[in-house]
Every structure is written in structure tokens, then in C-alpha cells.
């Protein structure tokens, strides 16, 4: 069985992009990008696994922050 990761990106009104990773229906990392950081990040993503929509996110994270599936929040400078 091939396991595929999908990325659900939500462009919010503040122009940031929130991405939720999902594998086999299970939530993985949630990370927030600036528009510039998102453009760099999606260059590495196969577009068949990327799903983009406009909307809202109440996660409370800021650009560069990454919340793991366990809830731990770290920072990734490349997402800014």
C-alpha cells in the first residue's frame, strides 16, 4: 500500500497561508507561511497532493510556526 501525504492550504484574509498535512485521514503538522514563504514551499510539492482554498483558520499560529501532530510548536524560518 502506498501512503500519500496531502496538503490542505487555506489562504486567509491576512494573506498568510495555513497548511494542514494529512496522511491516511490522520492530521499531521499544521504550518503557517507568508505568501513568499508559501511560494517557495510549494515549489517542492507535487500539485496532485496540494489542495488550496480561501478561508479562515483559528489555530493561533504565526508565519514560521509549525504545530506537530503531538501539539509541540516549533519554528521554521523558511516559511516566513
PDB file of N, CA and C in Angstrom:
ATOM      1  N   UNK A   1       0.843  -1.173   0.000  1.00  0.00           N
ATOM      2  CA  UNK A   1       0.000   0.000   0.000  1.00  0.00           C
ATOM      3  C   UNK A   1       0.895   1.246   0.000  1.00  0.00           C
ATOM      4  N   UNK A   2       0.593   2.160  -0.891  1.00  0.00           N
ATOM      5  CA  UNK A   2       1.341   3.416  -0.961  1.00  0.00           C
ATOM      6  C   UNK A   2       0.674   4.450  -0.057  1.00  0.00           C
ATOM      7  N   UNK A   3       1.452   5.062   0.816  1.00  0.00           N
ATOM      8  CA  UNK A   3       0.944   6.084   1.723  1.00  0.00           C
ATOM      9  C   UNK A   3       1.255   7.445   1.115  1.00  0.00           C
ATOM     10  N   UNK A   4       0.223   8.258   0.950  1.00  0.00           N
ATOM     11  CA  UNK A   4       0.382   9.581   0.350  1.00  0.00           C
ATOM     12  C   UNK A   4       0.022  10.665   1.350  1.00  0.00           C
ATOM     13  N   UNK A   5       0.826  11.725   1.383  1.00  0.00           N
ATOM     14  CA  UNK A   5       0.531  12.873   2.224  1.00  0.00           C
ATOM     15  C   UNK A   5      -0.141  13.935   1.363  1.00  0.00           C
ATOM     16  N   UNK A   6      -1.256  14.441   1.852  1.00  0.00           N
ATOM     17  CA  UNK A   6      -1.954  15.539   1.182  1.00  0.00           C
ATOM     18  C   UNK A   6      -1.772  16.797   2.019  1.00  0.00           C
ATOM     19  N   UNK A   7      -1.816  17.929   1.345  1.00  0.00           N
ATOM     20  CA  UNK A   7      -1.613  19.224   1.983  1.00  0.00           C
ATOM     21  C   UNK A   7      -2.825  20.096   1.689  1.00  0.00           C
ATOM     22  N   UNK A   8      -3.518  20.512   2.737  1.00  0.00           N
ATOM     23  CA  UNK A   8      -4.697  21.361   2.601  1.00  0.00           C
ATOM     24  C   UNK A   8      -4.307  22.772   3.022  1.00  0.00           C
ATOM     25  N   UNK A   9      -4.194  23.649   2.024  1.00  0.00           N
ATOM     26  CA  UNK A   9      -3.733  25.018   2.258  1.00  0.00           C
ATOM     27  C   UNK A   9      -4.924  25.965   2.269  1.00  0.00           C
ATOM     28  N   UNK A  10      -4.953  26.837   3.269  1.00  0.00           N
ATOM     29  CA  UNK A  10      -6.012  27.830   3.381  1.00  0.00           C
ATOM     30  C   UNK A  10      -5.385  29.216   3.343  1.00  0.00           C
ATOM     31  N   UNK A  11      -5.738  29.981   2.311  1.00  0.00           N
ATOM     32  CA  UNK A  11      -5.281  31.376   2.209  1.00  0.00           C
ATOM     33  C   UNK A  11      -6.253  32.227   3.015  1.00  0.00           C
ATOM     34  N   UNK A  12      -5.715  32.924   4.018  1.00  0.00           N
ATOM     35  CA  UNK A  12      -6.555  33.716   4.913  1.00  0.00           C
ATOM     36  C   UNK A  12      -6.560  35.187   4.494  1.00  0.00           C
ATOM     37  N   UNK A  13      -7.460  35.974   5.077  1.00  0.00           N
ATOM     38  CA  UNK A  13      -7.609  37.380   4.694  1.00  0.00           C
ATOM     39  C   UNK A  13      -6.357  38.212   4.959  1.00  0.00           C
ATOM     40  N   UNK A  14      -5.488  37.762   5.871  1.00  0.00           N
ATOM     41  CA  UNK A  14      -4.245  38.491   6.144  1.00  0.00           C
ATOM     42  C   UNK A  14      -3.134  38.107   5.168  1.00  0.00           C
ATOM     43  N   UNK A  15      -3.484  37.319   4.127  1.00  0.00           N
ATOM     44  CA  UNK A  15      -2.572  36.870   3.057  1.00  0.00           C
ATOM     45  C   UNK A  15      -1.650  35.726   3.469  1.00  0.00           C
ATOM     46  N   UNK A  16      -1.679  35.309   4.721  1.00  0.00           N
ATOM     47  CA  UNK A  16      -0.883  34.161   5.123  1.00  0.00           C
ATOM     48  C   UNK A  16      -1.562  32.878   4.646  1.00  0.00           C
ATOM     49  N   UNK A  17      -0.802  31.791   4.635  1.00  0.00           N
ATOM     50  CA  UNK A  17      -1.338  30.510   4.179  1.00  0.00           C
ATOM     51  C   UNK A  17      -1.106  29.472   5.273  1.00  0.00           C
ATOM     52  N   UNK A  18      -2.181  28.857   5.710  1.00  0.00           N
ATOM     53  CA  UNK A  18      -2.136  27.810   6.725  1.00  0.00           C
ATOM     54  C   UNK A  18      -2.211  26.472   6.011  1.00  0.00           C
ATOM     55  N   UNK A  19      -1.308  25.560   6.337  1.00  0.00           N
ATOM     56  CA  UNK A  19      -1.265  24.262   5.674  1.00  0.00           C
ATOM     57  C   UNK A  19      -1.431  23.165   6.716  1.00  0.00           C
ATOM     58  N   UNK A  20      -2.361  22.261   6.441  1.00  0.00           N
ATOM     59  CA  UNK A  20      -2.583  21.086   7.277  1.00  0.00           C
ATOM     60  C   UNK A  20      -2.150  19.862   6.491  1.00  0.00           C
ATOM     61  N   UNK A  21      -1.187  19.107   7.021  1.00  0.00           N
ATOM     62  CA  UNK A  21      -0.757  17.860   6.404  1.00  0.00           C
ATOM     63  C   UNK A  21      -1.701  16.748   6.862  1.00  0.00           C
ATOM     64  N   UNK A  22      -2.083  15.881   5.926  1.00  0.00           N
ATOM     65  CA  UNK A  22      -2.981  14.767   6.248  1.00  0.00           C
ATOM     66  C   UNK A  22      -2.447  13.498   5.582  1.00  0.00           C
ATOM     67  N   UNK A  23      -2.306  12.430   6.380  1.00  0.00           N
ATOM     68  CA  UNK A  23      -1.869  11.131   5.876  1.00  0.00           C
ATOM     69  C   UNK A  23      -2.904  10.095   6.305  1.00  0.00           C
ATOM     70  N   UNK A  24      -3.475   9.421   5.325  1.00  0.00           N
ATOM     71  CA  UNK A  24      -4.471   8.370   5.591  1.00  0.00           C
ATOM     72  C   UNK A  24      -5.575   8.856   6.537  1.00  0.00           C
ATOM     73  N   UNK A  25      -6.003  10.098   6.343  1.00  0.00           N
ATOM     74  CA  UNK A  25      -7.075  10.661   7.155  1.00  0.00           C
ATOM     75  C   UNK A  25      -6.652  11.167   8.520  1.00  0.00           C
ATOM     76  N   UNK A  26      -5.371  11.041   8.846  1.00  0.00           N
ATOM     77  CA  UNK A  26      -4.871  11.500  10.145  1.00  0.00           C
ATOM     78  C   UNK A  26      -4.178  12.848   9.991  1.00  0.00           C
ATOM     79  N   UNK A  27      -4.476  13.761  10.897  1.00  0.00           N
ATOM     80  CA  UNK A  27      -3.877  15.088  10.867  1.00  0.00           C
ATOM     81  C   UNK A  27      -2.417  15.013  11.286  1.00  0.00           C
ATOM     82  N   UNK A  28      -1.569  15.677  10.500  1.00  0.00           N
ATOM     83  CA  UNK A  28      -0.146  15.763  10.818  1.00  0.00           C
ATOM     84  C   UNK A  28       0.192  17.185  11.213  1.00  0.00           C
ATOM     85  N   UNK A  29       1.282  17.694  10.689  1.00  0.00           N
ATOM     86  CA  UNK A  29       1.703  19.050  11.006  1.00  0.00           C
ATOM     87  C   UNK A  29       0.719  20.078  10.463  1.00  0.00           C
ATOM     88  N   UNK A  30       0.685  21.204  11.173  1.00  0.00           N
ATOM     89  CA  UNK A  30      -0.044  22.389  10.713  1.00  0.00           C
ATOM     90  C   UNK A  30       1.000  23.493  10.711  1.00  0.00           C
ATOM     91  N   UNK A  31       1.213  24.138   9.561  1.00  0.00           N
ATOM     92  CA  UNK A  31       2.230  25.181   9.490  1.00  0.00           C
ATOM     93  C   UNK A  31       1.691  26.400   8.775  1.00  0.00           C
ATOM     94  N   UNK A  32       2.277  27.570   9.097  1.00  0.00           N
ATOM     95  CA  UNK A  32       1.798  28.840   8.566  1.00  0.00           C
ATOM     96  C   UNK A  32       2.919  29.508   7.782  1.00  0.00           C
ATOM     97  N   UNK A  33       2.566  29.992   6.589  1.00  0.00           N
ATOM     98  CA  UNK A  33       3.520  30.612   5.678  1.00  0.00           C
ATOM     99  C   UNK A  33       3.102  32.031   5.343  1.00  0.00           C
ATOM    100  N   UNK A  34       4.069  32.893   5.100  1.00  0.00           N
ATOM    101  CA  UNK A  34       3.791  34.162   4.436  1.00  0.00           C
ATOM    102  C   UNK A  34       3.575  33.829   2.961  1.00  0.00           C
ATOM    103  N   UNK A  35       3.028  34.754   2.159  1.00  0.00           N
ATOM    104  CA  UNK A  35       2.878  34.459   0.730  1.00  0.00           C
ATOM    105  C   UNK A  35       4.212  34.085   0.070  1.00  0.00           C
ATOM    106  N   UNK A  36       5.274  34.786   0.409  1.00  0.00           N
ATOM    107  CA  UNK A  36       6.597  34.494  -0.163  1.00  0.00           C
ATOM    108  C   UNK A  36       7.084  33.109   0.268  1.00  0.00           C
ATOM    109  N   UNK A  37       6.949  32.796   1.547  1.00  0.00           N
ATOM    110  CA  UNK A  37       7.365  31.500   2.062  1.00  0.00           C
ATOM    111  C   UNK A  37       6.552  30.358   1.456  1.00  0.00           C
ATOM    112  N   UNK A  38       5.259  30.613   1.208  1.00  0.00           N
ATOM    113  CA  UNK A  38       4.412  29.591   0.615  1.00  0.00           C
ATOM    114  C   UNK A  38       4.832  29.294  -0.820  1.00  0.00           C
ATOM    115  N   UNK A  39       5.125  30.333  -1.582  1.00  0.00           N
ATOM    116  CA  UNK A  39       5.553  30.135  -2.969  1.00  0.00           C
ATOM    117  C   UNK A  39       6.830  29.298  -3.035  1.00  0.00           C
ATOM    118  N   UNK A  40       7.761  29.545  -2.133  1.00  0.00           N
ATOM    119  CA  UNK A  40       8.986  28.741  -2.099  1.00  0.00           C
ATOM    120  C   UNK A  40       8.668  27.297  -1.702  1.00  0.00           C
ATOM    121  N   UNK A  41       7.795  27.121  -0.723  1.00  0.00           N
ATOM    122  CA  UNK A  41       7.465  25.791  -0.211  1.00  0.00           C
ATOM    123  C   UNK A  41       6.754  24.949  -1.265  1.00  0.00           C
ATOM    124  N   UNK A  42       5.769  25.522  -1.991  1.00  0.00           N
ATOM    125  CA  UNK A  42       5.008  24.704  -2.940  1.00  0.00           C
ATOM    126  C   UNK A  42       5.839  24.280  -4.145  1.00  0.00           C
ATOM    127  N   UNK A  43       6.976  24.920  -4.368  1.00  0.00           N
ATOM    128  CA  UNK A  43       7.843  24.504  -5.475  1.00  0.00           C
ATOM    129  C   UNK A  43       8.312  23.065  -5.283  1.00  0.00           C
ATOM    130  N   UNK A  44       8.302  22.586  -4.036  1.00  0.00           N
ATOM    131  CA  UNK A  44       8.758  21.222  -3.720  1.00  0.00           C
ATOM    132  C   UNK A  44       7.616  20.213  -3.608  1.00  0.00           C
ATOM    133  N   UNK A  45       6.378  20.664  -3.777  1.00  0.00           N
ATOM    134  CA  UNK A  45       5.209  19.815  -3.550  1.00  0.00           C
ATOM    135  C   UNK A  45       4.593  19.392  -4.883  1.00  0.00           C
ATOM    136  N   UNK A  46       4.293  18.110  -5.011  1.00  0.00           N
ATOM    137  CA  UNK A  46       3.603  17.607  -6.195  1.00  0.00           C
ATOM    138  C   UNK A  46       2.175  18.150  -6.147  1.00  0.00           C
ATOM    139  N   UNK A  47       1.772  18.891  -7.173  1.00  0.00           N
ATOM    140  CA  UNK A  47       0.491  19.593  -7.108  1.00  0.00           C
ATOM    141  C   UNK A  47      -0.725  18.668  -7.018  1.00  0.00           C
ATOM    142  N   UNK A  48      -0.576  17.390  -7.341  1.00  0.00           N
ATOM    143  CA  UNK A  48      -1.715  16.478  -7.180  1.00  0.00           C
ATOM    144  C   UNK A  48      -2.071  16.245  -5.708  1.00  0.00           C
ATOM    145  N   UNK A  49      -1.141  16.572  -4.808  1.00  0.00           N
ATOM    146  CA  UNK A  49      -1.377  16.404  -3.375  1.00  0.00           C
ATOM    147  C   UNK A  49      -1.680  17.712  -2.656  1.00  0.00           C
ATOM    148  N   UNK A  50      -1.752  18.815  -3.403  1.00  0.00           N
ATOM    149  CA  UNK A  50      -1.971  20.137  -2.820  1.00  0.00           C
ATOM    150  C   UNK A  50      -3.392  20.602  -3.120  1.00  0.00           C
ATOM    151  N   UNK A  51      -4.112  20.981  -2.078  1.00  0.00           N
ATOM    152  CA  UNK A  51      -5.499  21.431  -2.192  1.00  0.00           C
ATOM    153  C   UNK A  51      -5.568  22.822  -1.562  1.00  0.00           C
ATOM    154  N   UNK A  52      -5.889  23.844  -2.360  1.00  0.00           N
ATOM    155  CA  UNK A  52      -5.851  25.236  -1.889  1.00  0.00           C
ATOM    156  C   UNK A  52      -7.249  25.829  -1.912  1.00  0.00           C
ATOM    157  N   UNK A  53      -7.575  26.533  -0.831  1.00  0.00           N
ATOM    158  CA  UNK A  53      -8.851  27.245  -0.767  1.00  0.00           C
ATOM    159  C   UNK A  53      -8.663  28.528   0.031  1.00  0.00           C
ATOM    160  N   UNK A  54      -9.636  29.409  -0.057  1.00  0.00           N
ATOM    161  CA  UNK A  54      -9.663  30.618   0.761  1.00  0.00           C
ATOM    162  C   UNK A  54     -10.506  30.330   1.991  1.00  0.00           C
ATOM    163  N   UNK A  55     -10.175  30.973   3.101  1.00  0.00           N
ATOM    164  CA  UNK A  55     -10.968  30.750   4.297  1.00  0.00           C
ATOM    165  C   UNK A  55     -10.337  31.336   5.535  1.00  0.00           C
ATOM    166  N   UNK A  56     -10.702  30.772   6.661  1.00  0.00           N
ATOM    167  CA  UNK A  56     -10.224  31.216   7.963  1.00  0.00           C
ATOM    168  C   UNK A  56      -9.538  30.062   8.676  1.00  0.00           C
ATOM    169  N   UNK A  57      -8.672  30.408   9.615  1.00  0.00           N
ATOM    170  CA  UNK A  57      -8.047  29.405  10.464  1.00  0.00           C
ATOM    171  C   UNK A  57      -7.926  29.988  11.865  1.00  0.00           C
ATOM    172  N   UNK A  58      -8.336  29.237  12.836  1.00  0.00           N
ATOM    173  CA  UNK A  58      -8.307  29.712  14.228  1.00  0.00           C
ATOM    174  C   UNK A  58      -7.198  29.035  15.029  1.00  0.00           C
ATOM    175  N   UNK A  59      -6.133  28.585  14.345  1.00  0.00           N
ATOM    176  CA  UNK A  59      -5.070  27.834  15.025  1.00  0.00           C
ATOM    177  C   UNK A  59      -4.248  28.691  15.980  1.00  0.00           C
ATOM    178  N   UNK A  60      -4.184  30.001  15.739  1.00  0.00           N
ATOM    179  CA  UNK A  60      -3.404  30.879  16.610  1.00  0.00           C
ATOM    180  C   UNK A  60      -1.921  30.939  16.280  1.00  0.00           C
ATOM    181  N   UNK A  61      -1.474  30.200  15.251  1.00  0.00           N
ATOM    182  CA  UNK A  61      -0.060  30.216  14.869  1.00  0.00           C
ATOM    183  C   UNK A  61       0.260  31.415  13.989  1.00  0.00           C
ATOM    184  N   UNK A  62       1.519  31.804  14.010  1.00  0.00           N
ATOM    185  CA  UNK A  62       2.026  32.908  13.197  1.00  0.00           C
ATOM    186  C   UNK A  62       2.926  32.343  12.098  1.00  0.00           C
ATOM    187  N   UNK A  63       3.194  33.136  11.034  1.00  0.00           N
ATOM    188  CA  UNK A  63       4.075  32.650   9.970  1.00  0.00           C
ATOM    189  C   UNK A  63       5.407  32.137  10.533  1.00  0.00           C
ATOM    190  N   UNK A  64       5.779  30.955  10.073  1.00  0.00           N
ATOM    191  CA  UNK A  64       7.002  30.310  10.529  1.00  0.00           C
ATOM    192  C   UNK A  64       6.769  29.263  11.605  1.00  0.00           C
ATOM    193  N   UNK A  65       5.619  29.315  12.255  1.00  0.00           N
ATOM    194  CA  UNK A  65       5.348  28.343  13.310  1.00  0.00           C
ATOM    195  C   UNK A  65       4.768  27.054  12.732  1.00  0.00           C
ATOM    196  N   UNK A  66       5.161  25.952  13.369  1.00  0.00           N
ATOM    197  CA  UNK A  66       4.740  24.616  12.957  1.00  0.00           C
ATOM    198  C   UNK A  66       4.246  23.875  14.193  1.00  0.00           C
ATOM    199  N   UNK A  67       3.019  23.370  14.140  1.00  0.00           N
ATOM    200  CA  UNK A  67       2.498  22.556  15.240  1.00  0.00           C
ATOM    201  C   UNK A  67       2.523  21.099  14.772  1.00  0.00           C
ATOM    202  N   UNK A  68       3.208  20.248  15.535  1.00  0.00           N
ATOM    203  CA  UNK A  68       3.289  18.833  15.187  1.00  0.00           C
ATOM    204  C   UNK A  68       1.978  18.133  15.543  1.00  0.00           C
ATOM    205  N   UNK A  69       1.853  16.900  15.112  1.00  0.00           N
ATOM    206  CA  UNK A  69       0.659  16.119  15.432  1.00  0.00           C
ATOM    207  C   UNK A  69       0.491  15.935  16.934  1.00  0.00           C
ATOM    208  N   UNK A  70       1.587  16.068  17.684  1.00  0.00           N
ATOM    209  CA  UNK A  70       1.520  15.910  19.139  1.00  0.00           C
ATOM    210  C   UNK A  70       1.217  17.218  19.866  1.00  0.00           C
ATOM    211  N   UNK A  71       1.197  18.336  19.112  1.00  0.00           N
ATOM    212  CA  UNK A  71       0.890  19.630  19.713  1.00  0.00           C
ATOM    213  C   UNK A  71       2.097  20.510  19.963  1.00  0.00           C
ATOM    214  N   UNK A  72       3.303  19.979  19.810  1.00  0.00           N
ATOM    215  CA  UNK A  72       4.514  20.770  20.024  1.00  0.00           C
ATOM    216  C   UNK A  72       4.660  21.810  18.913  1.00  0.00           C
ATOM    217  N   UNK A  73       4.952  23.060  19.282  1.00  0.00           N
ATOM    218  CA  UNK A  73       5.119  24.143  18.318  1.00  0.00           C
ATOM    219  C   UNK A  73       6.597  24.471  18.178  1.00  0.00           C
ATOM    220  N   UNK A  74       7.066  24.474  16.932  1.00  0.00           N
ATOM    221  CA  UNK A  74       8.442  24.838  16.615  1.00  0.00           C
ATOM    222  C   UNK A  74       8.406  25.960  15.576  1.00  0.00           C
ATOM    223  N   UNK A  75       9.586  26.390  15.150  1.00  0.00           N
ATOM    224  CA  UNK A  75       9.671  27.499  14.194  1.00  0.00           C
ATOM    225  C   UNK A  75      10.522  27.088  13.001  1.00  0.00           C
ATOM    226  N   UNK A  76      10.069  27.448  11.809  1.00  0.00           N
ATOM    227  CA  UNK A  76      10.823  27.201  10.573  1.00  0.00           C
ATOM    228  C   UNK A  76      10.964  28.522   9.832  1.00  0.00           C
ATOM    229  N   UNK A  77      12.148  29.090   9.829  1.00  0.00           N
ATOM    230  CA  UNK A  77      12.418  30.389   9.221  1.00  0.00           C
ATOM    231  C   UNK A  77      12.065  30.403   7.729  1.00  0.00           C
ATOM    232  N   UNK A  78      12.178  29.276   7.050  1.00  0.00           N
ATOM    233  CA  UNK A  78      11.909  29.224   5.614  1.00  0.00           C
ATOM    234  C   UNK A  78      10.433  29.475   5.278  1.00  0.00           C
ATOM    235  N   UNK A  79       9.547  29.318   6.236  1.00  0.00           N
ATOM    236  CA  UNK A  79       8.133  29.533   5.986  1.00  0.00           C
ATOM    237  C   UNK A  79       7.752  31.013   6.040  1.00  0.00           C
ATOM    238  N   UNK A  80       8.655  31.858   6.537  1.00  0.00           N
ATOM    239  CA  UNK A  80       8.367  33.289   6.623  1.00  0.00           C
ATOM    240  C   UNK A  80       8.616  33.969   5.320  1.00  0.00           C
TER     241      UNK A  80
END
